[in-house]
Protein backbone atom coordinates (compact mmCIF):
# COMPACT_ATOMS: atom_id res chain seq x y z
CA MET A 1 0.00 0.00 0.00
CA SER A 2 1.28 3.43 -0.81
CA PHE A 3 -0.03 6.88 -1.43
CA SER A 4 0.85 10.32 -2.71
CA GLY A 5 1.23 13.66 -0.95
CA LEU A 6 -1.68 15.36 0.82
CA THR A 7 -0.89 18.86 -0.33
CA ALA A 8 -4.08 20.10 -1.98
CA SER A 9 -5.96 23.00 -0.44
CA ARG A 10 -9.27 22.18 1.24
CA GLY A 11 -10.43 25.80 1.20
CA ALA A 12 -10.88 25.81 -2.57
CA ARG A 13 -14.19 24.00 -2.13
CA SER A 14 -15.87 27.21 -1.08
CA HIS A 15 -15.36 28.44 -4.63
CA SER A 16 -15.81 26.40 -7.82
CA PRO A 17 -16.74 22.71 -7.26
CA LEU A 18 -14.81 21.72 -10.38
CA LEU A 19 -11.77 23.63 -9.18
CA ALA A 20 -12.14 21.92 -5.82
CA VAL A 21 -12.07 18.50 -7.44
CA ARG A 22 -9.00 19.47 -9.40
CA GLN A 23 -7.18 20.88 -6.37
CA ASP A 24 -8.20 17.99 -4.15
CA SER A 25 -7.35 15.26 -6.61
CA ARG A 26 -4.09 14.47 -4.90
CA VAL A 27 -5.80 14.45 -1.54
CA ALA A 28 -8.52 12.18 -2.90
CA ALA A 29 -5.93 9.92 -4.45
CA ALA A 30 -4.01 9.62 -1.22
CA ALA A 31 -7.34 9.49 0.49
CA CYS A 32 -8.18 6.38 -1.44
CA LEU A 33 -5.42 4.83 0.59
CA ALA A 34 -5.54 1.12 0.14
CA VAL A 35 -7.79 0.97 -2.85
CA LEU A 36 -8.02 -1.85 -5.40
CA GLY A 37 -6.79 -4.69 -3.26
CA ALA A 38 -3.14 -4.39 -4.21
CA ALA A 39 -2.10 -6.40 -1.23
CA PRO A 40 0.84 -8.70 -1.81
CA ALA A 41 0.26 -11.19 -4.57
CA ALA A 42 1.12 -14.31 -2.60
CA SER A 43 -1.63 -16.86 -2.10
CA ARG A 44 -3.09 -17.70 1.32
CA ALA A 45 -4.01 -20.95 3.04
CA CYS A 46 -7.55 -19.66 2.98
CA ALA A 47 -7.65 -18.28 -0.54
CA THR A 48 -10.46 -15.86 0.29
CA CYS A 49 -9.32 -14.93 3.79
CA GLY A 50 -6.16 -12.89 3.35
CA CYS A 51 -5.75 -9.15 3.61
CA THR A 52 -8.17 -7.49 1.16
CA LEU A 53 -7.40 -3.89 2.12
CA SER A 54 -7.37 -1.64 -0.94
CA ALA A 55 -3.88 -0.33 -1.50
CA ASP A 56 -3.14 0.77 -5.05
CA ALA A 57 -5.03 4.02 -5.51
CA ALA A 58 -2.92 6.06 -3.12
CA THR A 59 -0.09 6.22 -5.62
CA GLY A 60 -1.91 4.97 -8.71
CA TYR A 61 -4.38 7.83 -8.65
CA SER A 62 -1.93 10.69 -8.11
CA VAL A 63 -2.03 13.49 -10.71
CA SER A 64 1.37 14.82 -9.64
CA PRO A 65 4.25 13.76 -11.91
CA GLY A 66 7.17 12.25 -10.07
CA LEU A 67 8.59 9.23 -8.31
CA ARG A 68 7.35 7.75 -5.03
CA ALA A 69 8.52 4.81 -2.95
CA SER A 70 6.40 2.86 -0.48
CA LEU A 71 6.85 0.22 2.18
CA GLU A 72 3.98 -1.77 3.70
CA TYR A 73 3.68 -4.47 6.36
CA ASP A 74 0.60 -6.75 6.50
CA TYR A 75 -0.16 -9.19 9.30
CA VAL A 76 -2.73 -11.96 8.75
CA ASP A 77 -3.16 -14.64 11.42
CA GLN A 78 -5.48 -17.37 10.15
CA ASP A 79 -6.44 -19.36 13.24
CA GLN A 80 -10.20 -19.88 13.01
CA LEU A 81 -11.54 -22.95 11.22
CA ARG A 82 -14.66 -22.03 9.24
CA SER A 83 -17.13 -23.46 6.74
CA ALA A 84 -19.79 -21.55 4.81
CA THR A 85 -20.84 -18.67 7.11
CA HIS A 86 -19.98 -20.18 10.49
CA ALA A 87 -17.18 -21.62 12.61
CA ALA A 88 -16.33 -25.30 12.14
CA THR A 89 -14.77 -28.07 14.22
CA ALA A 90 -12.16 -30.72 13.56
CA ARG A 91 -14.84 -33.38 13.93
CA GLN A 92 -16.85 -31.79 11.10
CA VAL A 93 -13.80 -31.71 8.83
CA VAL A 94 -13.25 -35.45 9.24
CA ASP A 95 -16.80 -36.80 9.55
CA SER A 96 -18.44 -34.43 7.01
CA PRO A 97 -15.59 -33.91 4.53
CA SER A 98 -15.76 -31.35 1.74
CA ASN A 99 -14.55 -34.11 -0.60
CA PRO A 100 -16.37 -37.31 0.49
CA ALA A 101 -14.24 -39.41 -1.86
CA LEU A 102 -11.28 -38.93 0.48
CA GLY A 103 -13.05 -40.57 3.40
CA GLY A 104 -11.93 -37.77 5.70
CA GLY A 105 -10.35 -34.32 5.56
CA GLU A 106 -7.33 -32.20 6.45
CA ILE A 107 -7.51 -30.45 9.83
CA GLU A 108 -5.53 -27.25 9.38
CA LYS A 109 -4.35 -25.58 12.59
CA GLN A 110 -2.96 -22.11 11.80
CA THR A 111 -1.27 -20.00 9.14
CA ILE A 112 0.53 -16.81 10.15
CA ASN A 113 1.28 -14.54 7.19
CA ARG A 114 3.55 -11.50 7.29
CA TYR A 115 4.04 -9.54 4.09
CA LEU A 116 6.59 -6.77 3.58
CA THR A 117 5.88 -5.08 0.26
CA VAL A 118 8.19 -2.62 -1.48
CA GLY A 119 6.58 -0.35 -4.06
CA MET A 120 7.88 2.08 -6.69
CA ASN A 121 5.43 4.44 -8.35
CA TYR A 122 6.20 6.69 -11.33
CA SER A 123 3.90 9.28 -12.91
CA PRO A 124 5.33 10.82 -16.10
CA SER A 125 2.26 13.07 -16.40
CA ALA A 126 -1.08 13.79 -14.76
CA ASP A 127 -2.75 11.15 -16.95
CA TRP A 128 -0.47 8.14 -16.51
CA ASN A 129 0.83 6.19 -13.55
CA PHE A 130 3.01 3.05 -13.29
CA ASN A 131 3.15 1.09 -10.06
CA LEU A 132 5.55 -1.77 -9.24
CA LEU A 133 4.92 -3.94 -6.16
CA LEU A 134 7.20 -6.71 -4.86
CA PRO A 135 6.25 -8.60 -1.66
CA TYR A 136 8.52 -10.48 0.72
CA VAL A 137 6.48 -13.33 2.20
CA MET A 138 7.07 -14.64 5.73
CA ARG A 139 4.75 -17.57 6.44
CA THR A 140 4.36 -20.16 9.18
CA HIS A 141 1.85 -22.98 8.63
CA THR A 142 0.77 -25.82 10.91
CA THR A 143 -1.66 -28.66 10.25
CA TYR A 144 -2.81 -31.92 11.83
CA GLY A 145 -2.84 -33.45 8.35
CA THR A 146 -5.54 -35.49 6.65
CA GLN A 147 -7.46 -37.76 9.04
CA LEU A 148 -9.84 -40.58 8.09
CA MET A 149 -13.33 -40.86 9.52
CA PRO A 150 -14.51 -41.35 12.16
CA TYR A 151 -12.85 -38.48 14.03
CA ALA A 152 -10.93 -39.29 17.21
CA PRO A 153 -9.69 -36.59 19.65
CA GLU A 154 -6.11 -37.92 19.54
CA GLU A 155 -5.97 -36.77 15.91
CA THR A 156 -5.60 -33.19 17.15
CA ALA A 157 -2.96 -34.01 19.75
CA THR A 158 0.24 -31.94 19.83
CA ASP A 159 2.35 -34.75 18.37
CA ARG A 160 0.18 -34.81 15.24
CA VAL A 161 1.10 -31.25 14.21
CA SER A 162 3.27 -30.77 11.11
CA GLY A 163 4.86 -27.38 10.51
CA ALA A 164 6.49 -25.39 7.71
CA ARG A 165 8.10 -21.96 7.69
CA PHE A 166 9.74 -19.82 5.01
CA SER A 167 10.70 -16.24 4.20
CA GLU A 168 11.23 -15.35 0.54
CA LEU A 169 10.19 -13.12 -2.33
CA GLY A 170 6.67 -13.47 -3.72
CA ASP A 171 5.09 -12.56 -7.06
CA LEU A 172 5.72 -9.16 -8.60
CA LYS A 173 2.92 -6.89 -9.84
CA LEU A 174 3.11 -4.09 -12.41
CA ILE A 175 -0.03 -1.98 -12.83
CA THR A 176 -0.58 0.86 -15.31
CA SER A 177 -3.29 3.45 -14.64
CA PHE A 178 -4.79 5.98 -17.02
CA GLN A 179 -6.94 8.76 -15.56
CA GLY A 180 -7.23 11.19 -18.44
CA LEU A 181 -10.85 10.25 -19.21
CA LEU A 182 -12.26 13.31 -17.42
CA PRO A 183 -10.82 16.83 -17.05
CA THR A 184 -10.93 16.34 -13.28
CA ARG A 185 -8.86 13.14 -13.57
CA ASN A 186 -10.85 11.41 -10.86
CA LEU A 187 -11.97 8.50 -13.06
CA GLY A 188 -9.41 5.92 -14.09
CA VAL A 189 -8.87 2.51 -15.64
CA GLN A 190 -6.13 0.02 -14.88
CA LEU A 191 -4.33 -2.78 -16.67
CA GLY A 192 -1.64 -4.84 -15.01
CA VAL A 193 0.19 -8.12 -14.81
CA LYS A 194 1.35 -10.40 -12.00
CA LEU A 195 4.50 -12.37 -12.80
CA PRO A 196 5.58 -15.74 -11.31
CA THR A 197 8.69 -14.42 -9.55
CA GLY A 198 8.12 -16.36 -6.30
CA HIS A 199 8.76 -20.06 -5.71
CA TYR A 200 5.70 -22.15 -6.48
CA GLY A 201 4.32 -25.66 -6.73
CA THR A 202 6.14 -27.93 -4.27
CA SER A 203 9.28 -25.87 -3.60
CA VAL A 204 8.86 -25.75 0.21
CA ASP A 205 8.47 -28.87 2.38
CA PHE A 206 7.16 -29.40 5.88
CA ALA A 207 10.08 -29.25 8.32
CA SER A 208 8.57 -30.84 11.44
CA GLY A 209 5.96 -33.33 12.58
CA PRO A 210 4.62 -36.45 10.84
CA GLY A 211 4.56 -34.63 7.51
CA ALA A 212 8.24 -33.59 7.57
CA GLY A 213 9.77 -33.85 4.10
CA THR A 214 6.46 -33.74 2.23
CA PRO A 215 5.59 -30.68 0.09
CA LEU A 216 3.64 -27.74 1.46
CA ASP A 217 0.35 -27.08 -0.36
CA ALA A 218 0.71 -25.23 -3.65
CA SER A 219 -1.64 -22.50 -2.39
CA LEU A 220 0.73 -21.86 0.54
CA GLN A 221 3.92 -21.32 -1.47
CA ALA A 222 5.32 -17.80 -1.82
CA GLY A 223 4.15 -17.61 -5.44
CA THR A 224 1.41 -19.14 -7.55
CA GLY A 225 3.51 -20.01 -10.62
CA SER A 226 1.01 -18.18 -12.81
CA THR A 227 1.07 -15.11 -15.01
CA ASP A 228 -2.08 -13.13 -14.22
CA LEU A 229 -3.78 -10.21 -15.94
CA ILE A 230 -5.30 -7.47 -13.79
CA VAL A 231 -8.04 -5.13 -15.02
CA GLY A 232 -9.80 -2.50 -12.94
CA GLY A 233 -11.34 0.91 -12.63
CA TYR A 234 -11.79 3.57 -9.97
CA TYR A 235 -13.64 6.79 -9.21
CA PHE A 236 -13.13 9.27 -6.38
CA ARG A 237 -14.52 12.71 -5.53
CA ALA A 238 -15.30 15.16 -2.76
CA VAL A 239 -18.81 14.66 -1.38
CA SER A 240 -18.81 17.60 1.07
CA GLN A 241 -16.47 20.10 2.69
CA SER A 242 -15.29 17.43 5.12
CA PHE A 243 -15.57 14.12 3.28
CA ASP A 244 -14.13 12.37 0.23
CA ALA A 245 -15.43 9.07 -1.16
CA PHE A 246 -14.16 6.44 -3.59
CA VAL A 247 -15.22 3.21 -5.24
CA ASN A 248 -13.19 0.79 -7.30
CA GLY A 249 -13.16 -2.72 -8.69
CA GLN A 250 -10.51 -5.11 -9.88
CA PHE A 251 -10.45 -8.53 -11.52
CA GLN A 252 -7.38 -10.78 -11.57
CA PHE A 253 -7.17 -14.01 -13.59
CA ALA A 254 -4.40 -16.40 -14.60
CA VAL A 255 -3.63 -16.64 -18.32
CA MET A 256 -0.62 -18.98 -18.02
CA HIS A 257 0.57 -21.32 -15.29
CA ALA A 258 4.03 -22.86 -15.13
CA GLU A 259 2.88 -25.84 -13.05
CA ASP A 260 1.01 -27.52 -15.90
CA ALA A 261 2.26 -31.11 -16.20
CA PRO A 262 -0.53 -33.73 -16.14
CA GLY A 263 -1.08 -34.80 -12.55
CA ASN A 264 1.27 -32.06 -11.34
CA ASP A 265 -0.56 -28.86 -12.24
CA TYR A 266 -1.87 -25.86 -10.32
CA LYS A 267 -3.79 -22.76 -11.34
CA PRO A 268 -5.04 -20.16 -8.81
CA GLY A 269 -8.70 -19.21 -8.90
CA ASN A 270 -9.88 -15.94 -10.44
CA GLN A 271 -10.44 -13.14 -7.93
CA ALA A 272 -12.71 -10.08 -8.03
CA THR A 273 -12.51 -7.25 -5.48
CA VAL A 274 -14.65 -4.17 -4.90
CA SER A 275 -13.89 -1.47 -2.35
CA ILE A 276 -15.81 1.60 -1.27
CA GLY A 277 -14.53 4.13 1.20
CA LEU A 278 -15.23 7.37 3.00
CA ARG A 279 -12.58 9.73 4.41
CA TYR A 280 -12.83 12.55 6.91
CA VAL A 281 -10.46 15.23 5.59
CA ASP A 282 -11.00 18.39 7.64
CA ASP A 283 -7.34 18.22 8.66
CA PRO A 284 -5.19 17.05 5.70
CA ASN A 285 -2.39 16.20 8.14
CA ARG A 286 -4.52 13.58 9.91
CA ILE A 287 -7.08 11.85 7.71
CA LEU A 288 -9.51 9.27 9.07
CA GLU A 289 -10.88 6.63 6.72
CA VAL A 290 -13.17 3.63 6.69
CA GLN A 291 -13.39 1.08 3.89
CA LEU A 292 -15.72 -1.76 3.01
CA ASN A 293 -13.70 -4.40 1.14
CA LEU A 294 -15.52 -7.13 -0.79
CA SER A 295 -13.75 -10.06 -2.41
CA HIS A 296 -14.84 -13.18 -4.27
CA ARG A 297 -12.46 -15.93 -5.33
CA ASP A 298 -13.14 -18.94 -7.52
CA ALA A 299 -11.73 -22.35 -6.62
CA ASP A 300 -8.15 -23.22 -7.48
CA GLU A 301 -7.70 -25.76 -10.26
CA GLY A 302 -5.34 -28.65 -10.97
CA ALA A 303 -4.08 -31.83 -9.33
CA LEU A 304 -2.13 -29.83 -6.72
CA ALA A 305 -5.14 -27.66 -5.83
CA ASP A 306 -7.41 -28.15 -2.85
CA ARG A 307 -10.39 -27.32 -5.03
CA PRO A 308 -13.23 -27.91 -2.51
CA ASP A 309 -11.61 -25.61 0.09
CA THR A 310 -10.40 -22.51 -1.77
CA ALA A 311 -13.41 -20.56 -3.07
CA GLY A 312 -15.57 -18.08 -1.21
CA THR A 313 -16.79 -14.54 -0.63
CA VAL A 314 -15.69 -12.21 2.17
CA ALA A 315 -16.43 -8.67 3.33
CA TYR A 316 -14.28 -6.65 5.71
CA LEU A 317 -14.84 -3.33 7.47
CA SER A 318 -11.52 -1.50 7.60
CA PRO A 319 -11.04 1.63 9.72
CA GLY A 320 -7.73 3.46 9.59
CA ALA A 321 -5.85 6.75 9.44
CA THR A 322 -3.17 8.54 7.44
CA VAL A 323 -0.70 10.99 9.01
CA ARG A 324 1.34 13.48 7.02
CA VAL A 325 4.73 13.60 8.72
CA SER A 326 6.05 16.04 6.09
CA ASP A 327 5.22 17.09 2.54
CA LYS A 328 7.16 14.06 1.31
CA LEU A 329 6.54 11.42 3.99
CA HIS A 330 3.18 9.88 4.94
CA LEU A 331 2.39 7.05 7.36
CA TYR A 332 -0.80 5.01 7.68
CA GLY A 333 -2.38 2.17 9.58
CA PHE A 334 -5.54 0.06 9.14
CA VAL A 335 -7.30 -2.81 10.89
CA GLN A 336 -9.65 -5.17 9.04
CA VAL A 337 -12.57 -6.82 10.80
CA PRO A 338 -14.68 -9.45 8.97
CA VAL A 339 -18.38 -8.64 8.68
CA TYR A 340 -19.35 -11.46 6.30
CA ARG A 341 -17.69 -14.70 5.17
CA ASN A 342 -19.11 -17.50 3.05
CA LEU A 343 -16.38 -20.06 2.41
CA ASP A 344 -16.47 -23.28 0.41
CA GLY A 345 -15.45 -26.42 2.24
CA TYR A 346 -13.26 -25.87 5.32
CA GLN A 347 -10.81 -22.99 5.51
CA ILE A 348 -8.86 -21.27 8.28
CA ALA A 349 -9.65 -17.58 8.45
CA PRO A 350 -8.32 -14.55 10.35
CA ARG A 351 -10.34 -12.89 13.11
CA TRP A 352 -8.71 -9.58 12.09
CA THR A 353 -5.81 -8.30 9.98
CA ALA A 354 -3.53 -5.28 10.36
CA THR A 355 -1.65 -3.09 7.90
CA VAL A 356 0.91 -0.32 8.51
CA GLY A 357 3.07 1.47 6.00
CA GLY A 358 4.37 4.66 4.53
CA SER A 359 5.36 6.41 1.32
CA TYR A 360 7.99 8.94 0.36
CA SER A 361 7.86 11.33 -2.61
CA PHE A 362 11.14 12.24 -4.27
């Protein structure tokens, strides 16, 4: 997540509304802080349960030519077993499996995700913006493994836990934005690509427990092994003297996948995100914001995919704030709280997520 400088004058709104939109465009762009779900591109254990905070608009929507750098840290602790819209139990996973043909199911314990994302954003003019995002993925995953029915309590004993841990680069994103459609430059379209720069497939093994030496799930690797296209659009504007609002949508889908050998293939599910947000901007040095982040993901595909347990729809309410430390440096923080989750099969989901970061304009 990154964003541009908050230097526009709020007082201009008492004059021409069009002039106000023009002068506040940088504020509104930064105000969109965390738009378009540009969270790190790595996949999650629960494919629909990772951080969905909108992040791209802050820099992507800036109308000020120049170069900006950003650094963001996301924390996602998936420790709640869920199915459909409610919590689930280990007994349900085994005795009512999402894939009955297996005669049981995998009881996942926890996945702790930490993402450190470096971003570089360049705007050659007021109409164009190019944003590069590269995540460093730090992940710890534990599972009781696949158990056969009927469920027995000893199957969730401490000695049944297998664990894996890694820290490495994930998949790189490059997104181009064009916002010259309107004179006010507050309506834009986006086209981007995600490249398979992170390790994928079966590159990381479990290091402890009964599963030591066996490959970690493909959906838990640092990368997906796929080349994805990203298309999106956004709109932001002032709605009163004190408030700005934005809405955006983005769709990401794989067009090629490197893991494609018969019986050894994996393709991540398509994902659609929509975010709407409202910001309180009376003081441009301290901006309060709340977002509603909606995300739907289709099931992963391929022999290495856990197809019954990767699709779903989630909605998060995300309050946060942006602080202008100087004209060049801005810091922000957000917390995400789930308000709706409908997950296929059995997935481990976070009870909350947190994001902190900053950007610097050169």
